[in-house]
Amino acid sequence: MLAQRHQLKKTGDRLHDLFDKAEEVSSTSMEQSTEIDKAEVQMTELFDLLGLNKEDVSQVTPSSSILELSQEEKSAATETIGTYDELPQISESVGWKDYQNEVKEYLISHDLQFTPEHEQALLIECRDSVLDAMIKPFGLAKYLFDDKEGGNVTTLHNAEQGIYAKENEKYSQDMRNKQYDYKKSADDYRNRREESKDIFTDEYTGRKIPRFRANVDHIVPLEEFHRKGGFMLGKDQKQAFARDQRNYAITDQSLNKSKNAANFDEFRSTQANGRKIDNKKFYNIDNRRVNPKYKKAKQATDEHRPTTKQKVTYYSTNIAKTGAVEAANMGKQQAIGLVMRELVIALFDEVKDIKNHGYKSGDRDSSFFQVLNKRLTRVAKNVLSKWKKVIESFKDGALSGFLSNMVTTLINMFIKTGKRTVRMIREGIYSLFKAIKLLVHPPKDMTLSQRAHESSKLMAVGITVTAGIALEEAVDQFIGKWTSVFPPLNTIASALSTVIVGIVTGLSTVLIVHLLDKADLFHVHHDNEYEHILNQLETL
C-alpha cells in the first residue's frame, strides 16, 4: 500500500497540471465539457495508482473540491514526502490521514532498524576524535613546536615591553659592546668638550666636574632606541646611531649611573631611592641646558629609526623564515598524527580479531611468528594504503602553519599573545583553513548546503580544540598540586595531562558535532533522509 501511494510523488506534476486545467475550465465555457472529461480520466488514473476505489473520483472532481483549493494548497500538492503534513485533505475518502500514519510508522521502523549502525558509527567517531586530540594538538605539538610568548617574530609592540622572539635580538651588555660599539666616538667627544686640563662642564647641571668623574651619556639611551626599532637594524646602522654625537652629553658619573637606560623625561620626574624630591631637584638639572640638547637628540634618534621600508623588509623576511619552520612542523604534526592514528586503529582491530576468533584465527598450521608476521603485515598495509591522505594532511598542515604564523605576528603588532594563545591560533587557523578549503574546493557532487554543514563542523572542532588548550592549563595546575603530595606522579604528569585533556576534548568534539547534526542548520540530514527513504520506497 505504501509503495502504491508513493506514486503520488511521481504523479505530482500531473496533478499540478490538472489544477491548472481545472482553472482554465472555469474561465472557458466552450471547452468545459471536454476538459472536465479529460480531467476525470486523469484523476481516475491517479486514484488507481494510489490503490483507491473509483467511486471516490466523483467526490473529488475538477468541478468541485479541486477548484476550491487555494494557489498555496495547489502548490503544496507537489511537495515531497518530507512535508506531507502540509498537504490539503482533499477528501476523507481518499484516506490521506491513513497514508500519513503509514509513512510515520515506516520511518519509525526504519530508524529502529538502523539504530545499531548509528551507535557503531558514533563509537568509531568518538575513538577517532579522542585519538586525534591526544596524538596531534596535545601530543606531537609539544615536541614539534617551541611556542614563545609573543610568537616567532619580534614586533615593535612586544619589543617595547622587553619581549623578543630570539635571544640574539635582546639588548645586552654583549650586544652593546659588539653591535653598538661607540668607544672611539665617545672618547673623541669627551676630548673636544674638555675646557681646561681635566675639567669639564656637566651639560645637564652646568657644574664643573673633573675628568675622572666625567662620563659621556647617551641622552636617548641605546636600550630605548633598541626597543623602539633598533633591533630591526643591522650592525652598521646600530653603530651609526650609537656614534651620533648629537645624542651625547658630558655629565657626572653619579647622575649617569642613576639615569642608566631610563627615558630622560621619566628620569627627571622620578623620586628615586625613597627620596621625597625628584631627580631634577636632587641633581640640580638645568632644563634650560637640557631641553635644547634633548630636542636635538630626539631628532637624531628619529633619523636613525628604521624606515617603513626597513620595517616591511624585517617583518616579511622573518615571517617567511619562521613561517617555513612552522609550516614544516604543522605538516609533520598532521601527517605523523594521521599515520599514528591509523596504526593504533589497525592494531586495535587486530586485538579485537584475536579476542573474537583467537590468535591464529583459523590459521592453525602456522607458527606463532608466522601468524604475527601476517598480522603485522596486514597492519602495515592498512597504514600504507593511507599514503595519499598523509600527503594531503601534510600539505594542509603546512599551509595552515604558515598562515597561523603570519596571523600570530599581525596580532602581536597590537597585543601580546601568550604561549597557549599561540597554540590556540595555530589549531584554530588549521580548522578554519580546512573549512574554507571545503567550501572553495569541495569533493565532487557535494552540494552547497552539504559543504556549509561540514564546514560548520570543522569550525566547531577548531573551537573545541582551542578550548581544550585553555583547559590544559587548569589540568596542569591541578596535577601539579598532587605531585607535591605524591612525588612519583611527577614522572607521568605530562602524559597524564595529555590523556585527560585529549579524552575531554575528543568527546566534546563528538558531542558538538552530533548536536550540529541534530540541529541540521542547512537541512542536509533532512534532504539525505528524504532521498534515502525514496530509494527505499523504490525497492518495495
Protein backbone atom coordinates (compact mmCIF):
# COMPACT_ATOMS: atom_id res chain seq x y z
CA MET A 1 0.00 0.00 0.00
CA LEU A 2 2.84 2.42 0.90
CA ALA A 3 4.63 1.74 -2.35
CA GLN A 4 1.48 2.37 -4.35
CA ARG A 5 0.72 5.59 -2.56
CA HIS A 6 4.30 6.68 -3.07
CA GLN A 7 3.33 7.13 -6.71
CA LEU A 8 1.82 10.43 -5.55
CA LYS A 9 5.24 11.98 -5.85
CA LYS A 10 5.72 10.68 -9.34
CA THR A 11 2.33 11.99 -10.43
CA GLY A 12 2.69 15.29 -8.62
CA ASP A 13 3.43 17.19 -11.81
CA ARG A 14 0.38 15.64 -13.47
CA LEU A 15 -1.78 16.66 -10.54
CA HIS A 16 -0.44 20.20 -10.78
CA ASP A 17 -1.35 20.25 -14.49
CA LEU A 18 -4.80 19.03 -13.54
CA PHE A 19 -5.28 22.01 -11.25
CA ASP A 20 -4.19 24.38 -13.99
CA LYS A 21 -6.60 22.79 -16.46
CA ALA A 22 -9.39 23.00 -13.93
CA GLU A 23 -8.80 26.74 -13.64
CA GLU A 24 -8.90 27.06 -17.40
CA VAL A 25 -12.20 25.14 -17.42
CA SER A 26 -13.78 27.64 -15.07
CA SER A 27 -12.99 30.51 -17.42
CA THR A 28 -13.51 28.83 -20.81
CA SER A 29 -17.05 27.65 -21.20
CA MET A 30 -16.58 26.47 -24.78
CA GLU A 31 -14.20 23.69 -23.84
CA GLN A 32 -15.67 22.99 -20.41
CA SER A 33 -17.24 19.61 -21.05
CA THR A 34 -14.21 18.17 -22.91
CA GLU A 35 -11.68 19.34 -20.35
CA ILE A 36 -13.73 18.03 -17.43
CA ASP A 37 -13.89 14.64 -19.07
CA LYS A 38 -10.12 14.59 -19.61
CA ALA A 39 -9.51 15.72 -16.06
CA GLU A 40 -11.73 13.00 -14.65
CA VAL A 41 -9.86 10.39 -16.68
CA GLN A 42 -6.52 11.61 -15.34
CA MET A 43 -7.87 11.69 -11.80
CA THR A 44 -9.14 8.13 -12.23
CA GLU A 45 -5.64 7.03 -13.27
CA LEU A 46 -4.18 8.81 -10.28
CA PHE A 47 -6.60 7.07 -7.88
CA ASP A 48 -5.78 3.73 -9.49
CA LEU A 49 -2.09 4.39 -8.79
CA LEU A 50 -2.97 5.23 -5.18
CA GLY A 51 -4.97 1.99 -4.82
CA LEU A 52 -8.26 3.74 -4.08
CA ASN A 53 -11.80 2.99 -5.20
CA LYS A 54 -13.01 4.60 -8.41
CA GLU A 55 -16.20 5.69 -6.66
CA ASP A 56 -14.11 8.25 -4.81
CA VAL A 57 -13.44 10.08 -8.06
CA SER A 58 -16.92 11.56 -8.09
CA GLN A 59 -16.20 13.20 -4.74
CA VAL A 60 -13.04 14.95 -5.94
CA THR A 61 -13.54 16.30 -9.47
CA PRO A 62 -12.22 19.44 -11.15
CA SER A 63 -15.65 20.97 -10.82
CA SER A 64 -15.89 20.54 -7.04
CA SER A 65 -13.28 20.45 -4.28
CA ILE A 66 -10.23 20.89 -6.52
CA LEU A 67 -11.49 24.23 -7.74
CA GLU A 68 -11.91 25.34 -4.13
CA LEU A 69 -8.20 24.91 -3.30
CA SER A 70 -6.05 27.99 -2.94
CA GLN A 71 -2.94 28.50 -5.01
CA GLU A 72 -0.78 27.67 -1.97
CA GLU A 73 -2.69 24.41 -1.45
CA LYS A 74 -2.25 23.51 -5.09
CA SER A 75 1.50 24.06 -4.83
CA ALA A 76 1.60 22.03 -1.64
CA ALA A 77 0.23 19.05 -3.56
CA THR A 78 3.53 18.68 -5.36
CA GLU A 79 5.69 18.83 -2.20
CA THR A 80 7.96 15.97 -1.21
CA ILE A 81 7.34 13.15 1.23
CA GLY A 82 9.09 15.14 3.97
CA THR A 83 6.27 17.72 4.00
CA TYR A 84 3.19 15.52 3.66
CA ASP A 85 1.75 17.05 6.80
CA GLU A 86 1.25 20.27 4.82
CA LEU A 87 -0.82 18.63 2.06
CA PRO A 88 -4.53 19.51 1.98
CA GLN A 89 -7.11 16.97 2.95
CA ILE A 90 -8.69 16.55 -0.48
CA SER A 91 -11.30 14.14 0.84
CA GLU A 92 -11.81 11.94 3.85
CA SER A 93 -12.47 9.03 1.47
CA VAL A 94 -9.01 9.38 -0.07
CA GLY A 95 -7.54 8.09 3.21
CA TRP A 96 -4.86 10.76 3.43
CA LYS A 97 -4.55 10.58 7.23
CA ASP A 98 -4.07 6.85 6.97
CA TYR A 99 -1.32 7.47 4.48
CA GLN A 100 0.40 9.94 6.82
CA ASN A 101 0.28 7.44 9.68
CA GLU A 102 1.60 4.71 7.46
CA VAL A 103 4.55 6.84 6.41
CA LYS A 104 5.33 7.76 10.01
CA GLU A 105 5.22 4.12 11.06
CA TYR A 106 7.60 3.25 8.26
CA LEU A 107 10.03 5.99 9.29
CA ILE A 108 9.93 4.86 12.94
CA SER A 109 10.64 1.28 11.96
CA HIS A 110 13.39 2.49 9.65
CA ASP A 111 15.07 4.44 12.48
CA LEU A 112 14.83 1.46 14.84
CA GLN A 113 16.29 -0.77 12.18
CA PHE A 114 19.39 1.37 11.76
CA THR A 115 19.93 2.36 15.41
CA PRO A 116 22.74 -0.24 15.95
CA GLU A 117 24.57 1.09 12.90
CA HIS A 118 24.25 4.63 14.17
CA GLU A 119 25.62 3.61 17.57
CA GLN A 120 28.56 1.85 15.97
CA ALA A 121 29.32 4.91 13.84
CA LEU A 122 29.18 7.13 16.95
CA LEU A 123 31.63 4.87 18.81
CA ILE A 124 34.05 4.96 15.87
CA GLU A 125 33.74 8.76 15.74
CA CYS A 126 34.49 9.00 19.47
CA ARG A 127 37.53 6.76 19.09
CA ASP A 128 38.94 8.74 16.16
CA SER A 129 38.32 12.14 17.79
CA VAL A 130 39.97 11.14 21.07
CA LEU A 131 42.97 9.67 19.25
CA ASP A 132 43.31 12.78 17.07
CA ALA A 133 43.25 15.09 20.10
CA MET A 134 45.73 13.02 22.13
CA ILE A 135 48.17 12.49 19.26
CA LYS A 136 48.15 15.85 17.48
CA PRO A 137 47.43 19.08 19.44
CA PHE A 138 48.12 17.62 22.89
CA GLY A 139 50.82 15.12 21.95
CA LEU A 140 53.08 15.81 18.96
CA ALA A 141 52.64 19.58 19.21
CA LYS A 142 54.56 19.65 22.50
CA TYR A 143 57.61 18.13 20.81
CA LEU A 144 57.42 19.76 17.38
CA PHE A 145 56.82 23.38 18.36
CA ASP A 146 58.79 25.78 20.52
CA ASP A 147 55.96 28.19 21.28
CA LYS A 148 57.06 31.53 22.67
CA GLU A 149 55.33 34.38 24.41
CA GLY A 150 54.71 36.91 21.67
CA GLY A 151 55.10 34.49 18.76
CA ASN A 152 58.04 33.74 16.49
CA VAL A 153 58.68 37.25 15.17
CA THR A 154 59.63 40.21 17.37
CA THR A 155 57.25 43.12 16.90
CA LEU A 156 57.64 46.74 17.93
CA HIS A 157 54.76 46.35 20.37
CA ASN A 158 56.42 43.43 22.14
CA ALA A 159 59.97 44.79 21.98
CA GLU A 160 58.89 47.91 23.88
CA GLN A 161 57.84 45.53 26.66
CA GLY A 162 61.20 43.75 26.50
CA ILE A 163 59.79 40.64 24.79
CA TYR A 164 61.88 39.25 21.92
CA ALA A 165 61.34 36.16 19.81
CA LYS A 166 65.09 35.44 19.60
CA GLU A 167 67.74 35.61 22.30
CA ASN A 168 70.20 37.33 19.96
CA GLU A 169 67.72 40.21 19.49
CA LYS A 170 67.59 41.07 23.18
CA TYR A 171 69.57 44.09 24.31
CA SER A 172 72.51 43.05 26.48
CA GLN A 173 75.95 44.19 27.52
CA ASP A 174 77.47 41.90 24.94
CA MET A 175 75.29 43.42 22.20
CA ARG A 176 76.20 46.91 23.43
CA ASN A 177 79.90 46.13 23.11
CA LYS A 178 79.70 44.40 19.72
CA GLN A 179 76.83 45.97 17.78
CA TYR A 180 76.56 49.38 19.43
CA ASP A 181 80.31 49.97 19.83
CA TYR A 182 80.92 53.71 20.27
CA LYS A 183 84.05 53.94 22.43
CA LYS A 184 86.23 55.87 19.94
CA SER A 185 83.43 58.30 19.14
CA ALA A 186 82.76 58.90 22.87
CA ASP A 187 86.46 59.50 23.60
CA ASP A 188 86.64 61.97 20.73
CA TYR A 189 83.59 63.84 22.05
CA ARG A 190 84.95 64.00 25.59
CA ASN A 191 88.32 65.28 24.43
CA ARG A 192 86.64 68.04 22.47
CA ARG A 193 84.47 69.04 25.45
CA GLU A 194 87.43 69.46 27.82
CA GLU A 195 87.53 73.16 28.84
CA SER A 196 90.84 73.16 30.67
CA LYS A 197 93.13 70.45 31.90
CA ASP A 198 90.96 67.65 33.24
CA ILE A 199 87.97 69.98 33.81
CA PHE A 200 84.55 69.58 32.16
CA THR A 201 81.16 71.25 32.40
CA ASP A 202 78.27 68.94 33.23
CA GLU A 203 75.86 69.50 30.33
CA TYR A 204 72.85 68.60 32.48
CA THR A 205 73.59 70.76 35.52
CA GLY A 206 76.22 73.33 34.43
CA ARG A 207 78.57 72.33 37.28
CA LYS A 208 82.30 71.81 36.82
CA ILE A 209 83.47 68.23 37.18
CA PRO A 210 86.91 66.59 36.99
CA ARG A 211 87.87 64.20 34.18
CA PHE A 212 87.68 61.08 36.32
CA ARG A 213 84.01 61.85 37.04
CA ALA A 214 83.11 62.98 33.53
CA ASN A 215 81.04 60.38 31.64
CA VAL A 216 79.69 60.53 28.11
CA ASP A 217 75.97 59.75 28.33
CA HIS A 218 73.55 58.84 25.53
CA ILE A 219 70.73 61.30 26.10
CA VAL A 220 68.34 58.87 24.41
CA PRO A 221 69.58 55.54 25.83
CA LEU A 222 70.81 52.82 23.50
CA GLU A 223 68.42 50.32 25.07
CA GLU A 224 65.44 52.62 24.48
CA PHE A 225 66.45 53.02 20.84
CA HIS A 226 66.88 49.26 20.53
CA ARG A 227 63.43 48.54 21.97
CA LYS A 228 61.76 51.07 19.68
CA GLY A 229 63.09 49.65 16.45
CA GLY A 230 66.85 49.35 16.73
CA PHE A 231 66.56 45.56 16.93
CA MET A 232 65.39 45.58 13.30
CA LEU A 233 68.60 47.23 12.08
CA GLY A 234 71.92 45.78 11.05
CA LYS A 235 75.20 46.28 12.91
CA ASP A 236 76.34 49.26 10.83
CA GLN A 237 73.06 51.10 11.35
CA LYS A 238 73.13 50.44 15.08
CA GLN A 239 76.67 51.77 15.35
CA ALA A 240 75.71 54.82 13.32
CA PHE A 241 73.18 55.76 15.98
CA ALA A 242 75.49 54.90 18.88
CA ARG A 243 78.22 57.17 17.38
CA ASP A 244 75.97 60.12 16.56
CA GLN A 245 77.39 62.87 18.82
CA ARG A 246 74.15 64.84 18.71
CA ASN A 247 72.95 62.30 21.28
CA TYR A 248 75.98 62.77 23.59
CA ALA A 249 76.22 64.75 26.82
CA ILE A 250 79.01 65.08 29.38
CA THR A 251 77.68 64.50 32.90
CA ASP A 252 78.77 63.44 36.35
CA GLN A 253 79.15 59.68 36.73
CA SER A 254 76.71 59.51 39.65
CA LEU A 255 73.95 61.15 37.59
CA ASN A 256 74.82 58.96 34.59
CA LYS A 257 74.69 55.82 36.70
CA SER A 258 71.38 56.83 38.25
CA LYS A 259 69.84 57.66 34.86
CA ASN A 260 71.16 54.44 33.29
CA ALA A 261 68.73 53.37 30.49
CA ALA A 262 65.78 55.49 31.67
CA ASN A 263 63.90 57.86 29.42
CA PHE A 264 65.11 61.37 30.26
CA ASP A 265 61.64 62.81 30.91
CA GLU A 266 60.80 59.92 33.23
CA PHE A 267 64.16 60.18 34.97
CA ARG A 268 63.72 63.85 35.78
CA SER A 269 60.32 63.32 37.37
CA THR A 270 61.19 60.14 39.31
CA GLN A 271 61.71 60.10 43.07
CA ALA A 272 64.50 57.54 43.41
CA ASN A 273 65.74 55.67 46.47
CA GLY A 274 62.83 56.76 48.65
CA ARG A 275 63.65 60.44 48.34
CA LYS A 276 60.87 62.99 48.70
CA ILE A 277 62.20 65.11 45.85
CA ASP A 278 62.55 64.12 42.23
CA ASN A 279 65.83 63.62 40.38
CA LYS A 280 65.63 67.02 38.74
CA LYS A 281 65.85 68.77 42.08
CA PHE A 282 68.19 66.23 43.64
CA TYR A 283 70.80 66.56 40.87
CA ASN A 284 70.02 70.24 40.14
CA ILE A 285 69.28 69.52 36.49
CA ASP A 286 69.05 72.72 34.49
CA ASN A 287 66.19 72.42 32.00
CA ARG A 288 67.46 75.44 30.07
CA ARG A 289 70.59 73.45 29.27
CA VAL A 290 68.92 70.06 28.91
CA ASN A 291 65.86 70.79 26.80
CA PRO A 292 67.67 72.06 23.66
CA LYS A 293 70.09 69.11 23.74
CA TYR A 294 67.26 66.66 24.40
CA LYS A 295 65.35 68.02 21.42
CA LYS A 296 68.35 67.58 19.11
CA ALA A 297 68.96 64.10 20.49
CA LYS A 298 65.39 63.04 19.74
CA GLN A 299 65.64 64.43 16.22
CA ALA A 300 68.85 62.46 15.67
CA THR A 301 67.20 59.36 17.09
CA ASP A 302 64.25 59.68 14.72
CA GLU A 303 66.63 59.89 11.78
CA HIS A 304 68.21 56.56 12.76
CA ARG A 305 64.99 54.67 13.45
CA PRO A 306 64.04 52.03 10.85
CA THR A 307 62.13 53.38 7.89
CA THR A 308 58.84 51.92 6.70
CA LYS A 309 60.72 50.02 4.02
CA GLN A 310 63.13 48.58 6.59
CA LYS A 311 60.24 47.54 8.83
CA VAL A 312 58.47 45.80 5.94
CA THR A 313 61.71 44.06 4.99
CA TYR A 314 62.29 42.91 8.57
CA TYR A 315 58.76 41.60 9.06
CA SER A 316 58.46 39.91 5.66
CA THR A 317 61.87 38.25 5.94
CA ASN A 318 61.29 36.94 9.45
CA ILE A 319 57.70 35.87 8.77
CA ALA A 320 58.93 33.92 5.75
CA LYS A 321 61.76 32.24 7.68
CA THR A 322 59.77 31.35 10.78
CA GLY A 323 56.72 30.54 8.66
CA ALA A 324 58.70 27.91 6.75
CA VAL A 325 59.65 26.25 10.04
CA GLU A 326 56.07 26.42 11.31
CA ALA A 327 54.79 25.03 8.03
CA ALA A 328 57.13 22.05 8.21
CA ASN A 329 56.25 21.35 11.84
CA MET A 330 52.49 21.68 11.34
CA GLY A 331 52.72 19.48 8.24
CA LYS A 332 54.61 16.87 10.24
CA GLN A 333 52.08 17.08 13.08
CA GLN A 334 49.19 16.33 10.75
CA ALA A 335 50.96 13.69 8.66
CA ILE A 336 52.63 11.82 11.53
CA GLY A 337 49.46 12.17 13.59
CA LEU A 338 47.42 10.54 10.84
CA VAL A 339 49.90 7.68 10.50
CA MET A 340 49.95 7.11 14.26
CA ARG A 341 46.16 7.18 14.47
CA GLU A 342 45.78 4.67 11.63
CA LEU A 343 48.45 2.48 13.24
CA VAL A 344 46.63 2.47 16.57
CA ILE A 345 43.31 1.70 14.86
CA ALA A 346 44.84 -1.13 12.83
CA LEU A 347 46.46 -2.64 15.92
CA PHE A 348 43.20 -2.26 17.82
CA ASP A 349 41.38 -4.15 15.05
CA GLU A 350 43.91 -6.98 15.27
CA VAL A 351 43.48 -7.21 19.04
CA LYS A 352 39.73 -7.26 18.55
CA ASP A 353 40.08 -10.05 15.98
CA ILE A 354 42.25 -12.07 18.37
CA LYS A 355 39.63 -11.65 21.09
CA ASN A 356 36.79 -12.78 18.81
CA HIS A 357 38.48 -15.51 16.76
CA GLY A 358 41.64 -16.44 18.60
CA TYR A 359 45.26 -15.61 17.87
CA LYS A 360 45.60 -17.87 14.82
CA SER A 361 42.05 -17.13 13.61
CA GLY A 362 41.66 -20.33 11.57
CA ASP A 363 45.31 -20.49 10.51
CA ARG A 364 46.08 -23.48 12.76
CA ASP A 365 49.04 -24.80 10.77
CA SER A 366 51.11 -21.60 11.06
CA SER A 367 53.57 -20.95 13.84
CA PHE A 368 53.28 -18.13 16.36
CA PHE A 369 55.76 -15.94 14.49
CA GLN A 370 54.21 -16.67 11.11
CA VAL A 371 50.82 -15.51 12.37
CA LEU A 372 52.46 -12.48 13.99
CA ASN A 373 54.15 -11.65 10.69
CA LYS A 374 50.82 -11.89 8.84
CA ARG A 375 49.08 -9.67 11.34
CA LEU A 376 51.82 -7.04 11.33
CA THR A 377 51.93 -7.14 7.53
CA ARG A 378 48.19 -6.51 7.45
CA VAL A 379 48.62 -3.58 9.83
CA ALA A 380 51.40 -2.14 7.65
CA LYS A 381 49.28 -2.47 4.50
CA ASN A 382 46.36 -0.72 6.16
CA VAL A 383 48.59 2.17 7.21
CA LEU A 384 50.42 2.41 3.87
CA SER A 385 47.12 2.45 2.00
CA LYS A 386 46.51 5.90 3.52
CA TRP A 387 49.58 7.46 1.86
CA LYS A 388 47.50 9.85 -0.24
CA LYS A 389 45.73 11.13 2.87
CA VAL A 390 49.10 11.51 4.61
CA ILE A 391 50.42 13.71 1.79
CA GLU A 392 47.20 15.72 1.77
CA SER A 393 47.38 16.15 5.55
CA PHE A 394 50.98 17.36 5.35
CA LYS A 395 50.08 19.88 2.65
CA ASP A 396 47.07 21.22 4.57
CA GLY A 397 49.06 21.37 7.79
CA ALA A 398 51.96 23.17 6.11
CA LEU A 399 49.78 25.85 4.52
CA SER A 400 47.79 26.45 7.71
CA GLY A 401 51.02 26.52 9.74
CA PHE A 402 52.46 29.27 7.55
CA LEU A 403 49.22 31.25 7.75
CA SER A 404 48.94 30.87 11.53
CA ASN A 405 52.48 32.19 11.95
CA MET A 406 51.58 35.24 9.87
CA VAL A 407 48.34 35.83 11.79
CA THR A 408 50.15 35.47 15.14
CA THR A 409 52.69 38.10 14.06
CA LEU A 410 49.96 40.50 12.97
CA ILE A 411 48.14 40.09 16.29
CA ASN A 412 51.36 40.75 18.23
CA MET A 413 51.75 44.07 16.47
CA PHE A 414 48.89 45.24 18.69
CA ILE A 415 48.63 42.87 21.67
CA LYS A 416 50.99 40.32 23.18
CA THR A 417 49.99 36.65 22.92
CA GLY A 418 50.91 34.01 25.49
CA LYS A 419 52.32 30.60 24.63
CA ARG A 420 48.97 28.85 24.83
CA THR A 421 47.34 31.59 22.78
CA VAL A 422 49.87 30.89 20.03
CA ARG A 423 48.78 27.23 20.10
CA MET A 424 45.12 28.23 20.01
CA ILE A 425 45.71 30.41 16.97
CA ARG A 426 47.59 27.61 15.20
CA GLU A 427 44.89 24.98 15.78
CA GLY A 428 42.10 27.46 15.06
CA ILE A 429 43.66 28.52 11.75
CA TYR A 430 44.04 24.85 10.77
CA SER A 431 40.31 24.22 11.26
CA LEU A 432 39.42 27.48 9.51
CA PHE A 433 41.71 26.58 6.61
CA LYS A 434 40.08 23.17 6.19
CA ALA A 435 36.60 24.71 6.36
CA ILE A 436 37.41 27.32 3.71
CA LYS A 437 39.09 24.70 1.54
CA LEU A 438 35.97 22.55 1.70
CA LEU A 439 33.81 25.49 0.66
CA VAL A 440 36.07 26.58 -2.19
CA HIS A 441 37.26 23.19 -3.44
CA PRO A 442 34.64 20.65 -2.40
CA PRO A 443 34.63 16.96 -3.35
CA LYS A 444 32.75 16.08 -6.50
CA ASP A 445 28.92 16.11 -6.32
CA MET A 446 28.85 17.85 -2.92
CA THR A 447 26.05 20.40 -2.68
CA LEU A 448 26.43 23.88 -1.23
CA SER A 449 24.34 23.00 1.82
CA GLN A 450 26.49 19.91 2.44
CA ARG A 451 29.65 22.00 2.18
CA ALA A 452 28.26 24.57 4.61
CA HIS A 453 27.22 21.82 7.04
CA GLU A 454 30.60 20.07 7.01
CA SER A 455 32.46 23.37 7.23
CA SER A 456 30.46 24.35 10.31
CA LYS A 457 31.52 21.08 11.94
CA LEU A 458 35.18 21.73 11.11
CA MET A 459 34.91 25.17 12.70
CA ALA A 460 33.29 23.62 15.76
CA VAL A 461 36.19 21.17 16.03
CA GLY A 462 38.64 24.08 15.96
CA ILE A 463 36.76 25.90 18.71
CA THR A 464 36.66 22.74 20.83
CA VAL A 465 40.40 22.13 20.45
CA THR A 466 41.24 25.74 21.39
CA ALA A 467 39.02 25.37 24.44
CA GLY A 468 40.89 22.16 25.26
CA ILE A 469 44.20 24.03 25.12
CA ALA A 470 42.81 26.56 27.60
CA LEU A 471 41.61 23.69 29.80
CA GLU A 472 45.08 22.14 29.69
CA GLU A 473 46.50 24.89 31.89
CA ALA A 474 43.94 24.17 34.62
CA VAL A 475 44.62 20.42 34.38
CA ASP A 476 48.38 21.01 34.60
CA GLN A 477 47.92 23.13 37.72
CA PHE A 478 45.64 20.53 39.30
CA ILE A 479 48.11 17.70 38.62
CA GLY A 480 50.96 19.93 39.80
CA LYS A 481 49.34 20.25 43.24
CA TRP A 482 49.13 16.49 43.56
CA THR A 483 52.76 15.97 42.54
CA SER A 484 53.84 17.81 45.68
CA VAL A 485 51.77 15.35 47.73
CA PHE A 486 52.73 12.30 45.69
CA PRO A 487 56.16 12.95 44.05
CA PRO A 488 56.21 9.79 41.83
CA LEU A 489 53.27 11.31 39.94
CA ASN A 490 55.65 13.94 38.57
CA THR A 491 57.20 11.39 36.17
CA ILE A 492 53.87 10.87 34.37
CA ALA A 493 52.31 14.29 34.95
CA SER A 494 52.76 15.47 31.36
CA ALA A 495 51.44 12.22 29.84
CA LEU A 496 48.53 12.17 32.27
CA SER A 497 47.59 15.73 31.35
CA THR A 498 47.70 14.82 27.65
CA VAL A 499 45.42 11.82 28.16
CA ILE A 500 42.87 13.69 30.30
CA VAL A 501 42.66 16.75 28.07
CA GLY A 502 42.72 14.60 24.93
CA ILE A 503 39.78 12.48 26.11
CA VAL A 504 37.74 15.50 27.24
CA THR A 505 38.45 17.39 24.02
CA GLY A 506 37.75 14.38 21.80
CA LEU A 507 34.45 13.55 23.45
CA SER A 508 33.42 17.21 23.48
CA THR A 509 34.18 17.39 19.78
CA VAL A 510 31.92 14.41 19.06
CA LEU A 511 29.15 15.89 21.21
CA ILE A 512 29.24 19.27 19.47
CA VAL A 513 29.38 17.68 16.01
CA HIS A 514 26.45 15.43 16.96
CA LEU A 515 24.46 18.47 18.15
CA LEU A 516 25.17 20.23 14.86
CA ASP A 517 23.94 17.16 13.00
CA LYS A 518 20.78 17.18 15.10
CA ALA A 519 20.26 20.91 14.59
CA ASP A 520 20.63 20.36 10.82
CA LEU A 521 21.03 24.10 10.19
CA PHE A 522 21.43 23.58 6.46
CA HIS A 523 18.80 20.79 6.13
CA VAL A 524 21.42 18.32 4.96
CA HIS A 525 20.18 15.42 7.05
CA HIS A 526 16.59 16.18 6.14
CA ASP A 527 17.50 16.00 2.45
CA ASN A 528 19.58 12.87 2.93
CA GLU A 529 16.80 11.17 4.87
CA TYR A 530 14.29 12.13 2.20
CA GLU A 531 16.48 10.77 -0.59
CA HIS A 532 17.19 7.58 1.34
CA ILE A 533 13.51 6.96 2.06
CA LEU A 534 12.65 7.47 -1.59
CA ASN A 535 15.29 4.95 -2.59
CA GLN A 536 13.91 2.51 -0.04
CA LEU A 537 10.38 3.01 -1.33
CA GLU A 538 11.52 2.31 -4.89
CA THR A 539 12.56 -1.16 -3.77
CA LEU A 540 9.15 -2.01 -2.26
